[in-house]
Amino acid sequence: MPIRYLEQPYLLAGRRIDPITGTLSYREAQKRLRRKELEVLAMLAAADSGGVSRSAFIQQLWHGNPLVGEQGLNDTISTLR
């Protein structure tokens, strides 16, 4: 897990992610994020423009459990959109 993206605020695609307060800020709006949402964003930020495979998300964030990870990843990405 890219720890640095879970310990301090950073910018991703013009949004300010603050894992300390658990918020995403964009323009005037602020949204609370769940832990898995913060972890998914941290993996994306660490990958730069390289992208992250589904299997990498599941391996890292759901401890390799595809039964839970597939649906968990789908739900998390859907919420972030």
PDB file of N, CA and C in Angstrom:
ATOM      1  N   MET A   1       0.852  -1.191   0.000  1.00  0.00           N
ATOM      2  CA  MET A   1       0.000   0.000   0.000  1.00  0.00           C
ATOM      3  C   MET A   1       0.885   1.237   0.000  1.00  0.00           C
ATOM      4  N   PRO A   2       0.604   2.167  -0.873  1.00  0.00           N
ATOM      5  CA  PRO A   2       1.360   3.423  -0.898  1.00  0.00           C
ATOM      6  C   PRO A   2       1.017   4.277   0.329  1.00  0.00           C
ATOM      7  N   ILE A   3       1.738   4.049   1.398  1.00  0.00           N
ATOM      8  CA  ILE A   3       1.442   4.656   2.691  1.00  0.00           C
ATOM      9  C   ILE A   3       1.406   6.182   2.619  1.00  0.00           C
ATOM     10  N   ARG A   4       2.308   6.786   1.860  1.00  0.00           N
ATOM     11  CA  ARG A   4       2.370   8.253   1.871  1.00  0.00           C
ATOM     12  C   ARG A   4       1.045   8.878   1.450  1.00  0.00           C
ATOM     13  N   TYR A   5       0.264   8.186   0.641  1.00  0.00           N
ATOM     14  CA  TYR A   5      -1.026   8.723   0.214  1.00  0.00           C
ATOM     15  C   TYR A   5      -2.126   8.488   1.247  1.00  0.00           C
ATOM     16  N   LEU A   6      -1.797   7.823   2.323  1.00  0.00           N
ATOM     17  CA  LEU A   6      -2.766   7.621   3.398  1.00  0.00           C
ATOM     18  C   LEU A   6      -2.400   8.415   4.648  1.00  0.00           C
ATOM     19  N   GLU A   7      -1.289   9.154   4.571  1.00  0.00           N
ATOM     20  CA  GLU A   7      -0.811   9.890   5.741  1.00  0.00           C
ATOM     21  C   GLU A   7      -0.854  11.410   5.595  1.00  0.00           C
ATOM     22  N   GLN A   8      -1.042  11.899   4.397  1.00  0.00           N
ATOM     23  CA  GLN A   8      -1.029  13.351   4.189  1.00  0.00           C
ATOM     24  C   GLN A   8      -1.911  13.707   2.995  1.00  0.00           C
ATOM     25  N   PRO A   9      -2.430  14.925   2.951  1.00  0.00           N
ATOM     26  CA  PRO A   9      -3.254  15.357   1.816  1.00  0.00           C
ATOM     27  C   PRO A   9      -2.442  15.375   0.517  1.00  0.00           C
ATOM     28  N   TYR A  10      -3.132  15.151  -0.589  1.00  0.00           N
ATOM     29  CA  TYR A  10      -2.500  15.188  -1.916  1.00  0.00           C
ATOM     30  C   TYR A  10      -3.551  15.558  -2.952  1.00  0.00           C
ATOM     31  N   LEU A  11      -3.076  15.893  -4.144  1.00  0.00           N
ATOM     32  CA  LEU A  11      -3.969  16.216  -5.259  1.00  0.00           C
ATOM     33  C   LEU A  11      -4.006  15.048  -6.229  1.00  0.00           C
ATOM     34  N   LEU A  12      -5.207  14.753  -6.711  1.00  0.00           N
ATOM     35  CA  LEU A  12      -5.396  13.712  -7.718  1.00  0.00           C
ATOM     36  C   LEU A  12      -6.487  14.193  -8.662  1.00  0.00           C
ATOM     37  N   ALA A  13      -6.127  14.368  -9.920  1.00  0.00           N
ATOM     38  CA  ALA A  13      -7.077  14.818 -10.948  1.00  0.00           C
ATOM     39  C   ALA A  13      -7.804  16.097 -10.531  1.00  0.00           C
ATOM     40  N   GLY A  14      -7.068  17.022  -9.951  1.00  0.00           N
ATOM     41  CA  GLY A  14      -7.642  18.297  -9.563  1.00  0.00           C
ATOM     42  C   GLY A  14      -8.472  18.274  -8.290  1.00  0.00           C
ATOM     43  N   ARG A  15      -8.510  17.137  -7.637  1.00  0.00           N
ATOM     44  CA  ARG A  15      -9.237  17.010  -6.378  1.00  0.00           C
ATOM     45  C   ARG A  15      -8.253  16.911  -5.228  1.00  0.00           C
ATOM     46  N   ARG A  16      -8.595  17.513  -4.103  1.00  0.00           N
ATOM     47  CA  ARG A  16      -7.744  17.421  -2.912  1.00  0.00           C
ATOM     48  C   ARG A  16      -8.275  16.286  -2.053  1.00  0.00           C
ATOM     49  N   ILE A  17      -7.441  15.290  -1.863  1.00  0.00           N
ATOM     50  CA  ILE A  17      -7.787  14.143  -1.034  1.00  0.00           C
ATOM     51  C   ILE A  17      -7.080  14.313   0.306  1.00  0.00           C
ATOM     52  N   ASP A  18      -7.839  14.287   1.377  1.00  0.00           N
ATOM     53  CA  ASP A  18      -7.255  14.394   2.709  1.00  0.00           C
ATOM     54  C   ASP A  18      -7.610  13.136   3.499  1.00  0.00           C
ATOM     55  N   PRO A  19      -6.690  12.178   3.532  1.00  0.00           N
ATOM     56  CA  PRO A  19      -6.971  10.924   4.235  1.00  0.00           C
ATOM     57  C   PRO A  19      -7.055  11.095   5.749  1.00  0.00           C
ATOM     58  N   ILE A  20      -6.505  12.168   6.268  1.00  0.00           N
ATOM     59  CA  ILE A  20      -6.531  12.410   7.712  1.00  0.00           C
ATOM     60  C   ILE A  20      -7.959  12.747   8.154  1.00  0.00           C
ATOM     61  N   THR A  21      -8.619  13.618   7.395  1.00  0.00           N
ATOM     62  CA  THR A  21     -10.000  13.970   7.710  1.00  0.00           C
ATOM     63  C   THR A  21     -10.998  13.088   6.964  1.00  0.00           C
ATOM     64  N   GLY A  22     -10.490  12.299   6.000  1.00  0.00           N
ATOM     65  CA  GLY A  22     -11.364  11.415   5.229  1.00  0.00           C
ATOM     66  C   GLY A  22     -12.252  12.161   4.257  1.00  0.00           C
ATOM     67  N   THR A  23     -11.691  13.208   3.633  1.00  0.00           N
ATOM     68  CA  THR A  23     -12.502  14.018   2.728  1.00  0.00           C
ATOM     69  C   THR A  23     -11.854  14.189   1.359  1.00  0.00           C
ATOM     70  N   LEU A  24     -12.714  14.433   0.384  1.00  0.00           N
ATOM     71  CA  LEU A  24     -12.316  14.803  -0.956  1.00  0.00           C
ATOM     72  C   LEU A  24     -12.925  16.173  -1.208  1.00  0.00           C
ATOM     73  N   SER A  25     -12.118  17.131  -1.653  1.00  0.00           N
ATOM     74  CA  SER A  25     -12.596  18.480  -1.927  1.00  0.00           C
ATOM     75  C   SER A  25     -12.390  18.803  -3.398  1.00  0.00           C
ATOM     76  N   TYR A  26     -13.414  19.412  -3.989  1.00  0.00           N
ATOM     77  CA  TYR A  26     -13.346  19.839  -5.385  1.00  0.00           C
ATOM     78  C   TYR A  26     -14.170  21.107  -5.525  1.00  0.00           C
ATOM     79  N   ARG A  27     -13.504  22.151  -5.959  1.00  0.00           N
ATOM     80  CA  ARG A  27     -14.112  23.485  -6.027  1.00  0.00           C
ATOM     81  C   ARG A  27     -14.660  23.829  -4.657  1.00  0.00           C
ATOM     82  N   GLU A  28     -15.935  24.048  -4.524  1.00  0.00           N
ATOM     83  CA  GLU A  28     -16.514  24.439  -3.234  1.00  0.00           C
ATOM     84  C   GLU A  28     -17.083  23.247  -2.464  1.00  0.00           C
ATOM     85  N   ALA A  29     -17.130  22.091  -3.094  1.00  0.00           N
ATOM     86  CA  ALA A  29     -17.770  20.917  -2.478  1.00  0.00           C
ATOM     87  C   ALA A  29     -16.775  20.059  -1.715  1.00  0.00           C
ATOM     88  N   GLN A  30     -17.277  19.424  -0.676  1.00  0.00           N
ATOM     89  CA  GLN A  30     -16.458  18.494   0.107  1.00  0.00           C
ATOM     90  C   GLN A  30     -17.293  17.252   0.375  1.00  0.00           C
ATOM     91  N   LYS A  31     -16.669  16.079   0.229  1.00  0.00           N
ATOM     92  CA  LYS A  31     -17.373  14.817   0.414  1.00  0.00           C
ATOM     93  C   LYS A  31     -16.578  13.932   1.351  1.00  0.00           C
ATOM     94  N   ARG A  32     -17.269  13.259   2.265  1.00  0.00           N
ATOM     95  CA  ARG A  32     -16.619  12.297   3.156  1.00  0.00           C
ATOM     96  C   ARG A  32     -16.381  10.996   2.390  1.00  0.00           C
ATOM     97  N   LEU A  33     -15.245  10.374   2.640  1.00  0.00           N
ATOM     98  CA  LEU A  33     -14.902   9.123   1.984  1.00  0.00           C
ATOM     99  C   LEU A  33     -14.735   8.012   3.016  1.00  0.00           C
ATOM    100  N   ARG A  34     -15.074   6.798   2.591  1.00  0.00           N
ATOM    101  CA  ARG A  34     -14.842   5.617   3.433  1.00  0.00           C
ATOM    102  C   ARG A  34     -13.383   5.170   3.257  1.00  0.00           C
ATOM    103  N   ARG A  35     -12.943   4.334   4.161  1.00  0.00           N
ATOM    104  CA  ARG A  35     -11.543   3.873   4.149  1.00  0.00           C
ATOM    105  C   ARG A  35     -11.180   3.198   2.822  1.00  0.00           C
ATOM    106  N   LYS A  36     -12.014   2.300   2.311  1.00  0.00           N
ATOM    107  CA  LYS A  36     -11.694   1.611   1.051  1.00  0.00           C
ATOM    108  C   LYS A  36     -11.620   2.604  -0.106  1.00  0.00           C
ATOM    109  N   GLU A  37     -12.445   3.626  -0.097  1.00  0.00           N
ATOM    110  CA  GLU A  37     -12.373   4.648  -1.143  1.00  0.00           C
ATOM    111  C   GLU A  37     -11.036   5.373  -1.080  1.00  0.00           C
ATOM    112  N   LEU A  38     -10.599   5.706   0.126  1.00  0.00           N
ATOM    113  CA  LEU A  38      -9.287   6.344   0.298  1.00  0.00           C
ATOM    114  C   LEU A  38      -8.164   5.428  -0.168  1.00  0.00           C
ATOM    115  N   GLU A  39      -8.276   4.138   0.111  1.00  0.00           N
ATOM    116  CA  GLU A  39      -7.238   3.189  -0.296  1.00  0.00           C
ATOM    117  C   GLU A  39      -7.188   3.030  -1.812  1.00  0.00           C
ATOM    118  N   VAL A  40      -8.347   2.965  -2.459  1.00  0.00           N
ATOM    119  CA  VAL A  40      -8.381   2.882  -3.928  1.00  0.00           C
ATOM    120  C   VAL A  40      -7.744   4.125  -4.540  1.00  0.00           C
ATOM    121  N   LEU A  41      -8.104   5.294  -4.047  1.00  0.00           N
ATOM    122  CA  LEU A  41      -7.516   6.529  -4.560  1.00  0.00           C
ATOM    123  C   LEU A  41      -6.011   6.579  -4.323  1.00  0.00           C
ATOM    124  N   ALA A  42      -5.563   6.078  -3.180  1.00  0.00           N
ATOM    125  CA  ALA A  42      -4.128   6.050  -2.889  1.00  0.00           C
ATOM    126  C   ALA A  42      -3.383   5.175  -3.886  1.00  0.00           C
ATOM    127  N   MET A  43      -3.963   4.023  -4.226  1.00  0.00           N
ATOM    128  CA  MET A  43      -3.324   3.150  -5.219  1.00  0.00           C
ATOM    129  C   MET A  43      -3.270   3.822  -6.586  1.00  0.00           C
ATOM    130  N   LEU A  44      -4.336   4.516  -6.961  1.00  0.00           N
ATOM    131  CA  LEU A  44      -4.345   5.220  -8.243  1.00  0.00           C
ATOM    132  C   LEU A  44      -3.324   6.355  -8.260  1.00  0.00           C
ATOM    133  N   ALA A  45      -3.226   7.094  -7.164  1.00  0.00           N
ATOM    134  CA  ALA A  45      -2.254   8.191  -7.083  1.00  0.00           C
ATOM    135  C   ALA A  45      -0.829   7.659  -7.177  1.00  0.00           C
ATOM    136  N   ALA A  46      -0.561   6.539  -6.543  1.00  0.00           N
ATOM    137  CA  ALA A  46       0.782   5.962  -6.569  1.00  0.00           C
ATOM    138  C   ALA A  46       1.151   5.430  -7.949  1.00  0.00           C
ATOM    139  N   ALA A  47       0.156   5.032  -8.720  1.00  0.00           N
ATOM    140  CA  ALA A  47       0.412   4.469 -10.050  1.00  0.00           C
ATOM    141  C   ALA A  47       0.692   5.541 -11.088  1.00  0.00           C
ATOM    142  N   ASP A  48       0.490   6.806 -10.743  1.00  0.00           N
ATOM    143  CA  ASP A  48       0.622   7.912 -11.697  1.00  0.00           C
ATOM    144  C   ASP A  48      -0.277   7.632 -12.896  1.00  0.00           C
ATOM    145  N   SER A  49       0.270   7.567 -14.077  1.00  0.00           N
ATOM    146  CA  SER A  49      -0.548   7.301 -15.258  1.00  0.00           C
ATOM    147  C   SER A  49      -0.472   5.844 -15.677  1.00  0.00           C
ATOM    148  N   GLY A  50       0.163   5.010 -14.857  1.00  0.00           N
ATOM    149  CA  GLY A  50       0.342   3.605 -15.202  1.00  0.00           C
ATOM    150  C   GLY A  50      -0.893   2.752 -15.077  1.00  0.00           C
ATOM    151  N   GLY A  51      -1.874   3.175 -14.292  1.00  0.00           N
ATOM    152  CA  GLY A  51      -3.076   2.371 -14.104  1.00  0.00           C
ATOM    153  C   GLY A  51      -2.848   1.254 -13.099  1.00  0.00           C
ATOM    154  N   VAL A  52      -3.930   0.681 -12.629  1.00  0.00           N
ATOM    155  CA  VAL A  52      -3.886  -0.403 -11.648  1.00  0.00           C
ATOM    156  C   VAL A  52      -4.859  -1.471 -12.115  1.00  0.00           C
ATOM    157  N   SER A  53      -4.421  -2.712 -12.126  1.00  0.00           N
ATOM    158  CA  SER A  53      -5.295  -3.803 -12.556  1.00  0.00           C
ATOM    159  C   SER A  53      -6.284  -4.168 -11.447  1.00  0.00           C
ATOM    160  N   ARG A  54      -7.391  -4.766 -11.850  1.00  0.00           N
ATOM    161  CA  ARG A  54      -8.386  -5.246 -10.881  1.00  0.00           C
ATOM    162  C   ARG A  54      -7.745  -6.224  -9.906  1.00  0.00           C
ATOM    163  N   SER A  55      -6.926  -7.111 -10.440  1.00  0.00           N
ATOM    164  CA  SER A  55      -6.313  -8.122  -9.571  1.00  0.00           C
ATOM    165  C   SER A  55      -5.374  -7.476  -8.551  1.00  0.00           C
ATOM    166  N   ALA A  56      -4.708  -6.389  -8.917  1.00  0.00           N
ATOM    167  CA  ALA A  56      -3.833  -5.691  -7.966  1.00  0.00           C
ATOM    168  C   ALA A  56      -4.655  -5.056  -6.844  1.00  0.00           C
ATOM    169  N   PHE A  57      -5.786  -4.438  -7.204  1.00  0.00           N
ATOM    170  CA  PHE A  57      -6.675  -3.876  -6.174  1.00  0.00           C
ATOM    171  C   PHE A  57      -7.131  -4.977  -5.214  1.00  0.00           C
ATOM    172  N   ILE A  58      -7.597  -6.074  -5.786  1.00  0.00           N
ATOM    173  CA  ILE A  58      -8.134  -7.159  -4.956  1.00  0.00           C
ATOM    174  C   ILE A  58      -7.040  -7.771  -4.091  1.00  0.00           C
ATOM    175  N   GLN A  59      -5.879  -7.965  -4.673  1.00  0.00           N
ATOM    176  CA  GLN A  59      -4.768  -8.548  -3.911  1.00  0.00           C
ATOM    177  C   GLN A  59      -4.381  -7.648  -2.736  1.00  0.00           C
ATOM    178  N   GLN A  60      -4.246  -6.383  -3.008  1.00  0.00           N
ATOM    179  CA  GLN A  60      -3.750  -5.460  -1.987  1.00  0.00           C
ATOM    180  C   GLN A  60      -4.817  -5.029  -0.984  1.00  0.00           C
ATOM    181  N   LEU A  61      -6.004  -4.709  -1.444  1.00  0.00           N
ATOM    182  CA  LEU A  61      -7.016  -4.128  -0.563  1.00  0.00           C
ATOM    183  C   LEU A  61      -7.990  -5.130   0.037  1.00  0.00           C
ATOM    184  N   TRP A  62      -8.153  -6.265  -0.639  1.00  0.00           N
ATOM    185  CA  TRP A  62      -9.048  -7.292  -0.121  1.00  0.00           C
ATOM    186  C   TRP A  62      -8.295  -8.592   0.160  1.00  0.00           C
ATOM    187  N   HIS A  63      -7.007  -8.464   0.368  1.00  0.00           N
ATOM    188  CA  HIS A  63      -6.130  -9.580   0.763  1.00  0.00           C
ATOM    189  C   HIS A  63      -6.275 -10.790  -0.152  1.00  0.00           C
ATOM    190  N   GLY A  64      -6.455 -10.519  -1.440  1.00  0.00           N
ATOM    191  CA  GLY A  64      -6.505 -11.583  -2.429  1.00  0.00           C
ATOM    192  C   GLY A  64      -7.804 -12.367  -2.444  1.00  0.00           C
ATOM    193  N   ASN A  65      -8.829 -11.933  -1.733  1.00  0.00           N
ATOM    194  CA  ASN A  65     -10.102 -12.638  -1.669  1.00  0.00           C
ATOM    195  C   ASN A  65     -11.026 -12.155  -2.787  1.00  0.00           C
ATOM    196  N   PRO A  66     -11.101 -12.901  -3.902  1.00  0.00           N
ATOM    197  CA  PRO A  66     -11.907 -12.437  -5.025  1.00  0.00           C
ATOM    198  C   PRO A  66     -13.405 -12.452  -4.740  1.00  0.00           C
ATOM    199  N   LEU A  67     -13.864 -13.320  -3.839  1.00  0.00           N
ATOM    200  CA  LEU A  67     -15.293 -13.369  -3.534  1.00  0.00           C
ATOM    201  C   LEU A  67     -15.788 -12.062  -2.936  1.00  0.00           C
ATOM    202  N   VAL A  68     -14.998 -11.486  -2.060  1.00  0.00           N
ATOM    203  CA  VAL A  68     -15.343 -10.209  -1.444  1.00  0.00           C
ATOM    204  C   VAL A  68     -14.824  -9.053  -2.295  1.00  0.00           C
ATOM    205  N   GLY A  69     -13.626  -9.214  -2.833  1.00  0.00           N
ATOM    206  CA  GLY A  69     -12.957  -8.131  -3.552  1.00  0.00           C
ATOM    207  C   GLY A  69     -13.633  -7.691  -4.827  1.00  0.00           C
ATOM    208  N   GLU A  70     -14.140  -8.622  -5.619  1.00  0.00           N
ATOM    209  CA  GLU A  70     -14.799  -8.246  -6.880  1.00  0.00           C
ATOM    210  C   GLU A  70     -15.959  -7.291  -6.626  1.00  0.00           C
ATOM    211  N   GLN A  71     -16.851  -7.677  -5.733  1.00  0.00           N
ATOM    212  CA  GLN A  71     -18.001  -6.824  -5.446  1.00  0.00           C
ATOM    213  C   GLN A  71     -17.577  -5.569  -4.691  1.00  0.00           C
ATOM    214  N   GLY A  72     -16.640  -5.715  -3.771  1.00  0.00           N
ATOM    215  CA  GLY A  72     -16.150  -4.559  -3.022  1.00  0.00           C
ATOM    216  C   GLY A  72     -15.537  -3.515  -3.930  1.00  0.00           C
ATOM    217  N   LEU A  73     -14.741  -3.953  -4.890  1.00  0.00           N
ATOM    218  CA  LEU A  73     -14.123  -3.026  -5.832  1.00  0.00           C
ATOM    219  C   LEU A  73     -15.185  -2.368  -6.709  1.00  0.00           C
ATOM    220  N   ASN A  74     -16.129  -3.159  -7.201  1.00  0.00           N
ATOM    221  CA  ASN A  74     -17.221  -2.600  -8.019  1.00  0.00           C
ATOM    222  C   ASN A  74     -17.968  -1.523  -7.257  1.00  0.00           C
ATOM    223  N   ASP A  75     -18.336  -1.827  -6.016  1.00  0.00           N
ATOM    224  CA  ASP A  75     -19.090  -0.869  -5.196  1.00  0.00           C
ATOM    225  C   ASP A  75     -18.279   0.392  -4.927  1.00  0.00           C
ATOM    226  N   THR A  76     -16.992   0.216  -4.611  1.00  0.00           N
ATOM    227  CA  THR A  76     -16.145   1.356  -4.277  1.00  0.00           C
ATOM    228  C   THR A  76     -15.942   2.265  -5.481  1.00  0.00           C
ATOM    229  N   ILE A  77     -15.658   1.690  -6.633  1.00  0.00           N
ATOM    230  CA  ILE A  77     -15.477   2.495  -7.851  1.00  0.00           C
ATOM    231  C   ILE A  77     -16.773   3.207  -8.211  1.00  0.00           C
ATOM    232  N   SER A  78     -17.888   2.519  -8.085  1.00  0.00           N
ATOM    233  CA  SER A  78     -19.180   3.124  -8.379  1.00  0.00           C
ATOM    234  C   SER A  78     -19.444   4.328  -7.485  1.00  0.00           C
ATOM    235  N   THR A  79     -19.152   4.200  -6.204  1.00  0.00           N
ATOM    236  CA  THR A  79     -19.343   5.305  -5.263  1.00  0.00           C
ATOM    237  C   THR A  79     -18.433   6.476  -5.599  1.00  0.00           C
ATOM    238  N   LEU A  80     -17.197   6.196  -5.973  1.00  0.00           N
ATOM    239  CA  LEU A  80     -16.261   7.269  -6.303  1.00  0.00           C
ATOM    240  C   LEU A  80     -16.681   8.026  -7.555  1.00  0.00           C
ATOM    241  N   ARG A  81     -17.309   7.359  -8.463  1.00  0.00           N
ATOM    242  CA  ARG A  81     -17.757   8.038  -9.704  1.00  0.00           C
ATOM    243  C   ARG A  81     -18.818   9.032  -9.368  1.00  0.00           C
TER     244      ARG A  81
END
